[in-house]
Amino acid sequence: MFDPEWEEGCSGCTGYANAIADLSLLSERDTTFALVSRAPSAKLEAYQASKGWNILWYSSFGSDFNYDFHVTLDASVQPIEYNYRAKAQMARPIEGEEHGLSVFLRDGANVYHTYSTYARGTEALTDTYQLLDTTPYGRQEDFEVFPTGWPQKPTYG
């Protein structure tokens, strides 16, 4: 979401964080949602303030956390794996910062990694993409091609 060299967060991850709604039900269930990025805390805090977010956001700067959970991909640190695929299995090789969701359970002093999902597996956590998918122009990604003659004549007038 935020490489240490960047001056602002990834636009896709920023949109995702903007779409996160009220998380109070989580705390009522002794559950915490937090963002983790490699940028130093000062950069994260400044960006968070500029966006008006009140989501917990931790810096993993100087640690292996993002590499361990396969969201920072750098073959000089460890073999590249993303979305449960090795680099050789990927349709296109990727490096750098990617997004993912990991879930942990704390039991006393022990912390267990219980779940991870990557790429489009994270989309179900907000409604934005599901809502866009129902519209005529969909996600409006740069690679999408719209049908010739669209939109058609108005249905209601």
N, C-alpha and C. Protein backbone atom coordinates (compact mmCIF):
# COMPACT_ATOMS: atom_id res chain seq x y z
N MET A 1 0.81 -1.20 0.00
CA MET A 1 0.00 0.00 0.00
C MET A 1 0.85 1.26 0.00
N PHE A 2 2.03 1.17 0.61
CA PHE A 2 2.85 2.37 0.71
C PHE A 2 4.31 1.96 0.83
N ASP A 3 5.03 2.03 -0.28
CA ASP A 3 6.45 1.72 -0.32
C ASP A 3 7.22 2.83 0.43
N PRO A 4 8.32 2.51 1.08
CA PRO A 4 9.08 3.53 1.80
C PRO A 4 9.55 4.69 0.91
N GLU A 5 9.73 4.43 -0.40
CA GLU A 5 10.22 5.47 -1.31
C GLU A 5 9.09 6.37 -1.83
N TRP A 6 7.86 5.96 -1.70
CA TRP A 6 6.74 6.72 -2.24
C TRP A 6 6.40 7.92 -1.36
N GLU A 7 5.78 8.92 -1.99
CA GLU A 7 5.33 10.10 -1.25
C GLU A 7 3.85 10.02 -0.89
N GLU A 8 3.14 9.08 -1.50
CA GLU A 8 1.73 8.85 -1.15
C GLU A 8 1.40 7.40 -1.40
N GLY A 9 0.27 6.97 -0.85
CA GLY A 9 -0.14 5.57 -0.96
C GLY A 9 -0.60 5.20 -2.36
N CYS A 10 -0.61 3.91 -2.63
CA CYS A 10 -1.11 3.36 -3.89
C CYS A 10 -2.55 3.84 -4.11
N SER A 11 -2.88 4.24 -5.34
CA SER A 11 -4.22 4.76 -5.60
C SER A 11 -5.30 3.70 -5.40
N GLY A 12 -5.02 2.45 -5.79
CA GLY A 12 -6.00 1.38 -5.59
C GLY A 12 -6.24 1.09 -4.12
N CYS A 13 -5.17 1.00 -3.36
CA CYS A 13 -5.29 0.74 -1.92
C CYS A 13 -5.94 1.92 -1.20
N THR A 14 -5.64 3.13 -1.67
CA THR A 14 -6.26 4.32 -1.09
C THR A 14 -7.77 4.28 -1.32
N GLY A 15 -8.18 3.92 -2.53
CA GLY A 15 -9.61 3.79 -2.81
C GLY A 15 -10.26 2.75 -1.93
N TYR A 16 -9.55 1.65 -1.72
CA TYR A 16 -10.05 0.59 -0.85
C TYR A 16 -10.24 1.11 0.58
N ALA A 17 -9.21 1.79 1.09
CA ALA A 17 -9.29 2.32 2.47
C ALA A 17 -10.40 3.38 2.57
N ASN A 18 -10.58 4.18 1.53
CA ASN A 18 -11.66 5.17 1.53
C ASN A 18 -13.03 4.50 1.62
N ALA A 19 -13.15 3.30 1.10
CA ALA A 19 -14.44 2.61 1.05
C ALA A 19 -14.76 1.83 2.32
N ILE A 20 -13.81 1.72 3.22
CA ILE A 20 -14.06 0.98 4.46
C ILE A 20 -15.00 1.78 5.34
N ALA A 21 -16.06 1.17 5.75
CA ALA A 21 -17.10 1.85 6.53
C ALA A 21 -16.86 1.67 8.04
N ASP A 22 -17.88 1.84 8.79
CA ASP A 22 -17.85 1.75 10.25
C ASP A 22 -17.41 0.36 10.69
N LEU A 23 -16.34 0.29 11.45
CA LEU A 23 -15.80 -0.99 11.91
C LEU A 23 -16.10 -1.24 13.39
N SER A 24 -17.04 -0.49 13.97
CA SER A 24 -17.30 -0.62 15.40
C SER A 24 -17.78 -2.02 15.79
N LEU A 25 -18.46 -2.72 14.92
CA LEU A 25 -18.92 -4.07 15.24
C LEU A 25 -17.74 -5.00 15.49
N LEU A 26 -16.63 -4.77 14.79
CA LEU A 26 -15.45 -5.60 15.01
C LEU A 26 -14.96 -5.48 16.46
N SER A 27 -14.83 -4.25 16.93
CA SER A 27 -14.32 -4.07 18.29
C SER A 27 -15.28 -4.65 19.33
N GLU A 28 -16.56 -4.63 19.02
CA GLU A 28 -17.53 -5.25 19.93
C GLU A 28 -17.33 -6.76 20.02
N ARG A 29 -16.66 -7.32 19.01
CA ARG A 29 -16.38 -8.76 18.96
C ARG A 29 -14.91 -9.06 19.25
N ASP A 30 -14.22 -8.12 19.92
CA ASP A 30 -12.82 -8.29 20.29
C ASP A 30 -11.95 -8.58 19.06
N THR A 31 -12.23 -7.86 17.97
CA THR A 31 -11.52 -8.02 16.72
C THR A 31 -11.02 -6.66 16.26
N THR A 32 -9.83 -6.63 15.68
CA THR A 32 -9.23 -5.37 15.23
C THR A 32 -8.87 -5.48 13.76
N PHE A 33 -9.17 -4.43 13.02
CA PHE A 33 -8.75 -4.30 11.62
C PHE A 33 -7.63 -3.28 11.59
N ALA A 34 -6.55 -3.58 10.89
CA ALA A 34 -5.44 -2.64 10.77
C ALA A 34 -4.81 -2.75 9.40
N LEU A 35 -4.27 -1.66 8.94
CA LEU A 35 -3.48 -1.62 7.71
C LEU A 35 -2.01 -1.76 8.11
N VAL A 36 -1.22 -2.37 7.25
CA VAL A 36 0.22 -2.49 7.47
C VAL A 36 0.92 -2.12 6.17
N SER A 37 1.88 -1.21 6.26
CA SER A 37 2.65 -0.79 5.08
C SER A 37 4.11 -0.63 5.46
N ARG A 38 4.98 -0.69 4.46
CA ARG A 38 6.42 -0.63 4.72
C ARG A 38 6.96 0.77 4.92
N ALA A 39 6.23 1.79 4.54
CA ALA A 39 6.72 3.15 4.71
C ALA A 39 6.90 3.46 6.19
N PRO A 40 7.81 4.39 6.52
CA PRO A 40 7.99 4.77 7.92
C PRO A 40 6.72 5.38 8.51
N SER A 41 6.58 5.28 9.80
CA SER A 41 5.37 5.75 10.50
C SER A 41 5.04 7.20 10.19
N ALA A 42 6.03 8.07 10.12
CA ALA A 42 5.76 9.49 9.87
C ALA A 42 5.06 9.70 8.53
N LYS A 43 5.47 8.97 7.50
CA LYS A 43 4.80 9.08 6.19
C LYS A 43 3.37 8.57 6.27
N LEU A 44 3.20 7.44 6.95
CA LEU A 44 1.86 6.87 7.07
C LEU A 44 0.94 7.80 7.84
N GLU A 45 1.43 8.35 8.94
CA GLU A 45 0.61 9.25 9.75
C GLU A 45 0.20 10.50 8.98
N ALA A 46 1.13 11.07 8.21
CA ALA A 46 0.82 12.27 7.42
C ALA A 46 -0.22 11.95 6.34
N TYR A 47 -0.06 10.82 5.67
CA TYR A 47 -1.02 10.45 4.62
C TYR A 47 -2.38 10.13 5.23
N GLN A 48 -2.38 9.43 6.33
CA GLN A 48 -3.62 9.10 7.03
C GLN A 48 -4.37 10.38 7.42
N ALA A 49 -3.66 11.35 7.96
CA ALA A 49 -4.28 12.61 8.34
C ALA A 49 -4.84 13.34 7.12
N SER A 50 -4.11 13.30 6.00
CA SER A 50 -4.59 13.99 4.79
C SER A 50 -5.87 13.36 4.25
N LYS A 51 -6.08 12.07 4.53
CA LYS A 51 -7.27 11.37 4.05
C LYS A 51 -8.40 11.35 5.09
N GLY A 52 -8.08 11.74 6.32
CA GLY A 52 -9.10 11.75 7.38
C GLY A 52 -9.47 10.36 7.87
N TRP A 53 -8.56 9.40 7.71
CA TRP A 53 -8.84 8.03 8.13
C TRP A 53 -8.61 7.88 9.63
N ASN A 54 -9.44 7.06 10.26
CA ASN A 54 -9.22 6.71 11.67
C ASN A 54 -8.93 5.22 11.82
N ILE A 55 -8.52 4.58 10.75
CA ILE A 55 -8.18 3.16 10.74
C ILE A 55 -6.79 2.99 11.34
N LEU A 56 -6.60 1.97 12.17
CA LEU A 56 -5.26 1.68 12.67
C LEU A 56 -4.34 1.38 11.51
N TRP A 57 -3.14 1.96 11.53
CA TRP A 57 -2.20 1.76 10.43
C TRP A 57 -0.81 1.62 11.02
N TYR A 58 -0.19 0.50 10.78
CA TYR A 58 1.13 0.20 11.34
C TYR A 58 2.19 0.19 10.26
N SER A 59 3.38 0.61 10.65
CA SER A 59 4.53 0.55 9.77
C SER A 59 5.30 -0.74 10.02
N SER A 60 5.63 -1.42 8.94
CA SER A 60 6.49 -2.60 9.04
C SER A 60 7.89 -2.26 8.55
N PHE A 61 8.20 -0.97 8.50
CA PHE A 61 9.49 -0.48 8.01
C PHE A 61 10.64 -1.19 8.72
N GLY A 62 11.57 -1.72 7.94
CA GLY A 62 12.75 -2.37 8.50
C GLY A 62 12.52 -3.80 8.95
N SER A 63 11.32 -4.33 8.74
CA SER A 63 11.04 -5.72 9.14
C SER A 63 10.77 -6.57 7.91
N ASP A 64 10.65 -7.86 8.12
CA ASP A 64 10.35 -8.79 7.03
C ASP A 64 8.86 -9.06 6.87
N PHE A 65 8.03 -8.41 7.65
CA PHE A 65 6.59 -8.72 7.69
C PHE A 65 5.97 -8.79 6.30
N ASN A 66 6.12 -7.75 5.49
CA ASN A 66 5.48 -7.73 4.17
C ASN A 66 6.04 -8.80 3.24
N TYR A 67 7.31 -9.12 3.40
CA TYR A 67 7.92 -10.19 2.60
C TYR A 67 7.40 -11.54 3.07
N ASP A 68 7.29 -11.71 4.37
CA ASP A 68 6.81 -12.98 4.93
C ASP A 68 5.40 -13.31 4.47
N PHE A 69 4.57 -12.28 4.29
CA PHE A 69 3.18 -12.50 3.88
C PHE A 69 2.96 -12.22 2.40
N HIS A 70 4.04 -12.15 1.64
CA HIS A 70 4.02 -12.11 0.18
C HIS A 70 3.24 -10.94 -0.41
N VAL A 71 3.39 -9.76 0.21
CA VAL A 71 2.80 -8.56 -0.36
C VAL A 71 3.86 -7.55 -0.80
N THR A 72 5.11 -7.78 -0.43
CA THR A 72 6.23 -7.07 -1.02
C THR A 72 7.06 -8.12 -1.72
N LEU A 73 7.22 -7.95 -3.02
CA LEU A 73 7.86 -8.97 -3.85
C LEU A 73 9.20 -8.45 -4.36
N ASP A 74 10.26 -9.09 -3.90
CA ASP A 74 11.61 -8.71 -4.28
C ASP A 74 12.46 -9.97 -4.26
N ALA A 75 12.83 -10.43 -5.44
CA ALA A 75 13.58 -11.69 -5.56
C ALA A 75 14.93 -11.63 -4.84
N SER A 76 15.47 -10.44 -4.59
CA SER A 76 16.74 -10.35 -3.87
C SER A 76 16.54 -10.60 -2.38
N VAL A 77 15.30 -10.55 -1.90
CA VAL A 77 15.01 -10.81 -0.49
C VAL A 77 14.55 -12.25 -0.30
N GLN A 78 13.63 -12.71 -1.14
CA GLN A 78 13.15 -14.09 -1.10
C GLN A 78 12.47 -14.41 -2.43
N PRO A 79 12.32 -15.69 -2.76
CA PRO A 79 11.66 -16.04 -4.03
C PRO A 79 10.27 -15.42 -4.10
N ILE A 80 9.92 -14.94 -5.28
CA ILE A 80 8.64 -14.26 -5.46
C ILE A 80 7.51 -15.27 -5.49
N GLU A 81 6.51 -14.99 -4.67
CA GLU A 81 5.26 -15.76 -4.63
C GLU A 81 4.15 -14.76 -4.34
N TYR A 82 3.09 -14.80 -5.15
CA TYR A 82 1.95 -13.92 -4.93
C TYR A 82 0.68 -14.67 -5.31
N ASN A 83 -0.32 -14.53 -4.47
CA ASN A 83 -1.61 -15.18 -4.70
C ASN A 83 -1.42 -16.70 -4.87
N TYR A 84 -0.55 -17.24 -4.03
CA TYR A 84 -0.25 -18.67 -3.98
C TYR A 84 0.35 -19.20 -5.28
N ARG A 85 1.03 -18.32 -6.01
CA ARG A 85 1.71 -18.73 -7.25
C ARG A 85 3.16 -18.28 -7.20
N ALA A 86 4.04 -19.19 -7.61
CA ALA A 86 5.44 -18.83 -7.77
C ALA A 86 5.58 -17.97 -9.02
N LYS A 87 6.67 -17.25 -9.12
CA LYS A 87 6.89 -16.35 -10.26
C LYS A 87 6.69 -17.06 -11.59
N ALA A 88 7.19 -18.29 -11.72
CA ALA A 88 7.07 -19.05 -12.97
C ALA A 88 5.62 -19.38 -13.33
N GLN A 89 4.73 -19.37 -12.36
CA GLN A 89 3.32 -19.71 -12.59
C GLN A 89 2.45 -18.49 -12.90
N MET A 90 3.02 -17.30 -12.78
CA MET A 90 2.24 -16.08 -12.96
C MET A 90 2.06 -15.75 -14.44
N ALA A 91 0.91 -15.22 -14.79
CA ALA A 91 0.65 -14.79 -16.17
C ALA A 91 1.61 -13.69 -16.57
N ARG A 92 1.88 -12.80 -15.65
CA ARG A 92 2.89 -11.75 -15.86
C ARG A 92 3.68 -11.61 -14.56
N PRO A 93 4.99 -11.55 -14.66
CA PRO A 93 5.80 -11.41 -13.45
C PRO A 93 5.53 -10.07 -12.77
N ILE A 94 5.45 -10.08 -11.47
CA ILE A 94 5.23 -8.84 -10.73
C ILE A 94 6.30 -8.70 -9.66
N GLU A 95 6.62 -7.48 -9.34
CA GLU A 95 7.56 -7.17 -8.26
C GLU A 95 7.07 -5.92 -7.57
N GLY A 96 7.58 -5.68 -6.38
CA GLY A 96 7.23 -4.47 -5.63
C GLY A 96 6.09 -4.73 -4.68
N GLU A 97 5.30 -3.69 -4.47
CA GLU A 97 4.21 -3.74 -3.49
C GLU A 97 2.93 -4.27 -4.14
N GLU A 98 2.33 -5.24 -3.49
CA GLU A 98 1.03 -5.77 -3.91
C GLU A 98 0.12 -5.74 -2.68
N HIS A 99 -1.14 -6.06 -2.87
CA HIS A 99 -2.05 -6.02 -1.73
C HIS A 99 -2.50 -7.43 -1.33
N GLY A 100 -2.87 -7.52 -0.09
CA GLY A 100 -3.36 -8.78 0.44
C GLY A 100 -4.01 -8.55 1.78
N LEU A 101 -4.66 -9.57 2.27
CA LEU A 101 -5.30 -9.53 3.58
C LEU A 101 -4.84 -10.76 4.34
N SER A 102 -4.36 -10.55 5.53
CA SER A 102 -3.99 -11.66 6.40
C SER A 102 -4.74 -11.52 7.71
N VAL A 103 -5.11 -12.65 8.27
CA VAL A 103 -5.86 -12.70 9.53
C VAL A 103 -5.02 -13.45 10.55
N PHE A 104 -5.02 -12.94 11.77
CA PHE A 104 -4.24 -13.52 12.85
C PHE A 104 -5.13 -13.72 14.07
N LEU A 105 -4.79 -14.69 14.87
CA LEU A 105 -5.47 -14.97 16.13
C LEU A 105 -4.43 -14.88 17.25
N ARG A 106 -4.72 -14.07 18.24
CA ARG A 106 -3.86 -14.00 19.41
C ARG A 106 -4.47 -14.85 20.51
N ASP A 107 -3.67 -15.74 21.05
CA ASP A 107 -4.06 -16.58 22.18
C ASP A 107 -2.99 -16.39 23.25
N GLY A 108 -3.24 -15.47 24.15
CA GLY A 108 -2.23 -15.14 25.15
C GLY A 108 -1.03 -14.51 24.47
N ALA A 109 0.14 -15.07 24.67
CA ALA A 109 1.36 -14.56 24.06
C ALA A 109 1.59 -15.12 22.66
N ASN A 110 0.78 -16.07 22.24
CA ASN A 110 0.94 -16.71 20.93
C ASN A 110 0.08 -16.01 19.88
N VAL A 111 0.65 -15.85 18.69
CA VAL A 111 -0.08 -15.27 17.56
C VAL A 111 -0.02 -16.28 16.42
N TYR A 112 -1.20 -16.61 15.88
CA TYR A 112 -1.32 -17.60 14.80
C TYR A 112 -1.81 -16.92 13.53
N HIS A 113 -1.20 -17.23 12.40
CA HIS A 113 -1.66 -16.77 11.10
C HIS A 113 -2.73 -17.76 10.65
N THR A 114 -3.97 -17.29 10.46
CA THR A 114 -5.08 -18.20 10.18
C THR A 114 -5.62 -18.12 8.75
N TYR A 115 -5.31 -17.03 8.03
CA TYR A 115 -5.92 -16.87 6.70
C TYR A 115 -5.19 -15.78 5.94
N SER A 116 -5.06 -15.95 4.63
CA SER A 116 -4.59 -14.88 3.75
C SER A 116 -5.30 -14.98 2.41
N THR A 117 -5.54 -13.83 1.79
CA THR A 117 -6.06 -13.76 0.44
C THR A 117 -5.40 -12.58 -0.25
N TYR A 118 -5.33 -12.66 -1.57
CA TYR A 118 -4.61 -11.65 -2.33
C TYR A 118 -5.41 -11.27 -3.56
N ALA A 119 -4.93 -10.24 -4.26
CA ALA A 119 -5.50 -9.80 -5.52
C ALA A 119 -7.01 -9.59 -5.37
N ARG A 120 -7.79 -10.17 -6.24
CA ARG A 120 -9.24 -9.94 -6.19
C ARG A 120 -9.93 -10.59 -5.00
N GLY A 121 -9.20 -11.43 -4.27
CA GLY A 121 -9.77 -12.03 -3.07
C GLY A 121 -10.08 -11.02 -1.98
N THR A 122 -9.46 -9.84 -2.06
CA THR A 122 -9.70 -8.81 -1.05
C THR A 122 -10.92 -7.94 -1.37
N GLU A 123 -11.43 -8.04 -2.59
CA GLU A 123 -12.50 -7.15 -3.02
C GLU A 123 -13.80 -7.30 -2.23
N ALA A 124 -14.06 -8.45 -1.71
CA ALA A 124 -15.32 -8.69 -1.01
C ALA A 124 -15.43 -7.92 0.30
N LEU A 125 -14.36 -7.28 0.72
CA LEU A 125 -14.38 -6.55 1.99
C LEU A 125 -15.01 -5.17 1.89
N THR A 126 -15.19 -4.67 0.69
CA THR A 126 -15.94 -3.43 0.48
C THR A 126 -16.91 -3.68 -0.67
N ASP A 127 -17.87 -2.81 -0.82
CA ASP A 127 -18.89 -2.98 -1.84
C ASP A 127 -18.54 -2.34 -3.18
N THR A 128 -17.51 -1.55 -3.22
CA THR A 128 -17.24 -0.72 -4.39
C THR A 128 -17.17 -1.50 -5.69
N TYR A 129 -16.33 -2.53 -5.75
CA TYR A 129 -16.20 -3.26 -7.01
C TYR A 129 -17.45 -4.05 -7.35
N GLN A 130 -18.12 -4.61 -6.35
CA GLN A 130 -19.36 -5.33 -6.63
C GLN A 130 -20.41 -4.38 -7.20
N LEU A 131 -20.48 -3.16 -6.69
CA LEU A 131 -21.42 -2.19 -7.22
C LEU A 131 -21.03 -1.78 -8.64
N LEU A 132 -19.75 -1.52 -8.88
CA LEU A 132 -19.31 -1.18 -10.23
C LEU A 132 -19.60 -2.31 -11.22
N ASP A 133 -19.44 -3.55 -10.78
CA ASP A 133 -19.68 -4.70 -11.65
C ASP A 133 -21.13 -4.79 -12.13
N THR A 134 -22.05 -4.16 -11.44
CA THR A 134 -23.46 -4.19 -11.85
C THR A 134 -23.82 -3.07 -12.83
N THR A 135 -22.90 -2.15 -13.05
CA THR A 135 -23.20 -1.00 -13.89
C THR A 135 -22.78 -1.25 -15.34
N PRO A 136 -23.39 -0.53 -16.30
CA PRO A 136 -23.07 -0.75 -17.71
C PRO A 136 -21.58 -0.58 -18.05
N TYR A 137 -20.91 0.36 -17.43
CA TYR A 137 -19.51 0.59 -17.75
C TYR A 137 -18.55 -0.15 -16.81
N GLY A 138 -19.07 -0.90 -15.87
CA GLY A 138 -18.24 -1.74 -15.01
C GLY A 138 -17.16 -1.00 -14.26
N ARG A 139 -16.01 -1.62 -14.17
CA ARG A 139 -14.90 -1.08 -13.37
C ARG A 139 -14.15 0.05 -14.06
N GLN A 140 -14.34 0.20 -15.35
CA GLN A 140 -13.71 1.26 -16.12
C GLN A 140 -12.19 1.23 -16.00
N GLU A 141 -11.64 0.03 -16.07
CA GLU A 141 -10.19 -0.15 -16.03
C GLU A 141 -9.60 0.25 -17.38
N ASP A 142 -8.35 0.63 -17.38
CA ASP A 142 -7.69 1.08 -18.62
C ASP A 142 -7.71 0.02 -19.72
N PHE A 143 -7.70 -1.25 -19.36
CA PHE A 143 -7.62 -2.32 -20.36
C PHE A 143 -8.98 -2.74 -20.91
N GLU A 144 -10.07 -2.24 -20.35
CA GLU A 144 -11.40 -2.64 -20.79
C GLU A 144 -11.78 -1.96 -22.12
N VAL A 145 -12.50 -2.69 -22.94
CA VAL A 145 -13.00 -2.16 -24.20
C VAL A 145 -14.53 -2.20 -24.14
N PHE A 146 -15.15 -1.06 -24.46
CA PHE A 146 -16.61 -0.99 -24.41
C PHE A 146 -17.20 -1.36 -25.76
N PRO A 147 -18.36 -2.00 -25.77
CA PRO A 147 -18.98 -2.41 -27.03
C PRO A 147 -19.29 -1.21 -27.92
N THR A 148 -19.13 -1.40 -29.23
CA THR A 148 -19.48 -0.36 -30.20
C THR A 148 -20.97 -0.07 -30.08
N GLY A 149 -21.33 1.19 -30.14
CA GLY A 149 -22.73 1.57 -30.09
C GLY A 149 -23.29 1.67 -28.68
N TRP A 150 -22.43 1.61 -27.68
CA TRP A 150 -22.89 1.71 -26.29
C TRP A 150 -22.62 3.10 -25.80
N PRO A 151 -23.53 3.71 -25.09
CA PRO A 151 -24.81 3.15 -24.68
C PRO A 151 -25.83 3.21 -25.83
N GLN A 152 -26.80 2.32 -25.73
CA GLN A 152 -27.85 2.27 -26.73
C GLN A 152 -28.85 3.39 -26.45
N LYS A 153 -29.94 3.41 -27.23
CA LYS A 153 -30.94 4.46 -27.04
C LYS A 153 -31.51 4.37 -25.62
N PRO A 154 -31.92 5.48 -25.06
CA PRO A 154 -32.48 5.47 -23.70
C PRO A 154 -33.70 4.55 -23.61
N THR A 155 -33.77 3.81 -22.51
CA THR A 155 -34.92 2.93 -22.26
C THR A 155 -36.12 3.74 -21.75
N TYR A 156 -35.80 4.75 -20.94
CA TYR A 156 -36.86 5.60 -20.38
C TYR A 156 -36.58 7.02 -20.81
N GLY A 157 -37.62 7.75 -21.09
CA GLY A 157 -37.35 9.12 -21.53
C GLY A 157 -38.44 10.07 -21.17
